[in-house]
């Protein structure tokens, strides 16, 4: 597994690139997702999530992958609540999947 520049944690993008290349060009009926699972298992070991052999919801996996991409882009650790940090310019995960909401109040008397 490829590790981040600081050499401590594996990176999610290389295994995802391999997974998508297998999807586009491979002939396998089932995608080999073991490398992606191993990276998620390592990154979320403290939380006990995505451990090898365990079943996690696909939505949770997508959310975790997008959070990891965001943290890698912003250069912050996953444990430091990196998903709370706003990225400028927007990272690929936020540019495609994140929605911005704001409250707008309208006075009906004016």
Protein backbone atom coordinates (compact mmCIF):
# COMPACT_ATOMS: atom_id res chain seq x y z
CA UNK A 1 0.00 0.00 0.00
CA UNK A 2 1.16 3.50 -0.81
CA UNK A 3 1.54 5.74 2.23
CA UNK A 4 1.12 9.48 2.64
CA UNK A 5 4.13 11.82 2.44
CA UNK A 6 4.60 11.75 6.19
CA UNK A 7 4.86 7.95 5.92
CA UNK A 8 2.27 7.17 8.54
CA UNK A 9 -1.04 6.32 6.88
CA UNK A 10 -1.93 4.66 3.59
CA UNK A 11 -3.48 6.77 0.83
CA UNK A 12 -6.91 5.97 -0.63
CA UNK A 13 -6.46 7.30 -4.18
CA UNK A 14 -4.04 4.67 -5.62
CA UNK A 15 -6.27 1.70 -4.67
CA UNK A 16 -9.32 3.57 -5.99
CA UNK A 17 -7.55 4.20 -9.31
CA UNK A 18 -6.80 0.48 -9.56
CA UNK A 19 -10.40 -0.39 -8.70
CA UNK A 20 -11.80 1.95 -11.37
CA UNK A 21 -9.27 0.70 -13.95
CA UNK A 22 -10.44 -2.85 -13.24
CA UNK A 23 -14.04 -1.70 -13.63
CA UNK A 24 -13.33 -0.02 -16.99
CA UNK A 25 -10.89 -2.46 -18.55
CA UNK A 26 -11.17 -5.71 -16.59
CA UNK A 27 -13.16 -8.81 -17.39
CA UNK A 28 -13.83 -9.86 -13.77
CA UNK A 29 -17.44 -10.32 -12.69
CA UNK A 30 -16.57 -9.03 -9.21
CA UNK A 31 -14.31 -6.02 -8.65
CA UNK A 32 -11.21 -6.71 -6.52
CA UNK A 33 -11.81 -4.23 -3.70
CA UNK A 34 -9.46 -5.74 -1.10
CA UNK A 35 -6.89 -2.91 -1.34
CA UNK A 36 -9.60 -0.28 -0.79
CA UNK A 37 -10.96 -2.28 2.15
CA UNK A 38 -7.49 -2.59 3.65
CA UNK A 39 -6.88 1.18 3.45
CA UNK A 40 -10.29 1.92 5.01
CA UNK A 41 -9.61 -0.66 7.71
CA UNK A 42 -6.27 0.97 8.57
CA UNK A 43 -7.57 4.55 8.50
CA UNK A 44 -10.61 3.76 10.65
CA UNK A 45 -8.93 1.25 12.99
CA UNK A 46 -9.34 3.48 16.07
CA UNK A 47 -13.07 3.79 15.44
CA UNK A 48 -13.37 0.06 14.76
CA UNK A 49 -15.06 0.68 11.40
CA UNK A 50 -14.49 -0.99 8.03
CA UNK A 51 -12.52 -3.87 9.50
CA UNK A 52 -11.65 -6.70 7.14
CA UNK A 53 -14.37 -9.34 7.09
CA UNK A 54 -17.01 -6.96 8.45
CA UNK A 55 -19.93 -5.67 6.40
CA UNK A 56 -20.46 -1.91 6.20
CA UNK A 57 -23.16 -0.03 4.36
CA UNK A 58 -22.22 1.23 0.87
CA UNK A 59 -23.31 4.75 1.80
CA UNK A 60 -20.97 4.72 4.81
CA UNK A 61 -18.12 3.54 2.59
CA UNK A 62 -18.75 6.30 0.04
CA UNK A 63 -18.91 8.93 2.79
CA UNK A 64 -15.67 7.61 4.32
CA UNK A 65 -13.87 7.63 0.95
CA UNK A 66 -15.00 11.21 0.24
CA UNK A 67 -13.86 12.30 3.72
CA UNK A 68 -10.46 10.69 3.18
CA UNK A 69 -10.06 12.40 -0.21
CA UNK A 70 -10.99 15.73 1.42
CA UNK A 71 -8.48 15.26 4.25
CA UNK A 72 -5.69 14.20 1.87
CA UNK A 73 -6.38 17.24 -0.32
CA UNK A 74 -6.40 19.63 2.67
CA UNK A 75 -3.32 17.99 4.20
CA UNK A 76 -4.93 17.25 7.56
CA UNK A 77 -5.31 14.09 9.58
CA UNK A 78 -8.58 12.18 9.50
CA UNK A 79 -8.70 12.13 13.32
CA UNK A 80 -8.57 15.97 13.45
CA UNK A 81 -12.18 16.23 12.20
CA UNK A 82 -10.91 17.07 8.74
CA UNK A 83 -14.38 16.87 7.28
CA UNK A 84 -15.27 20.03 9.24
CA UNK A 85 -12.59 22.09 7.44
CA UNK A 86 -13.64 24.15 4.45
CA UNK A 87 -11.34 23.72 1.47
CA UNK A 88 -10.54 26.59 -0.86
CA UNK A 89 -10.33 25.85 -3.71
CA UNK A 90 -12.74 22.98 -3.32
CA UNK A 91 -11.23 19.51 -3.27
CA UNK A 92 -12.50 16.96 -5.82
CA UNK A 93 -14.81 15.34 -3.26
CA UNK A 94 -16.41 18.65 -2.26
CA UNK A 95 -16.58 19.97 -5.81
CA UNK A 96 -18.61 16.98 -6.96
CA UNK A 97 -20.57 15.80 -3.91
CA UNK A 98 -20.83 18.58 -1.33
CA UNK A 99 -23.77 20.93 -1.27
CA UNK A 100 -23.68 24.35 0.34
CA UNK A 101 -26.67 25.46 2.34
CA UNK A 102 -27.49 28.75 3.95
CA UNK A 103 -30.50 30.17 5.77
CA UNK A 104 -32.30 32.98 4.06
CA UNK A 105 -35.05 34.73 5.91
CA UNK A 106 -37.72 36.66 4.13
CA UNK A 107 -39.75 39.28 5.94
CA UNK A 108 -43.37 39.06 4.89
CA UNK A 109 -44.13 42.53 6.32
CA UNK A 110 -41.69 44.58 4.21
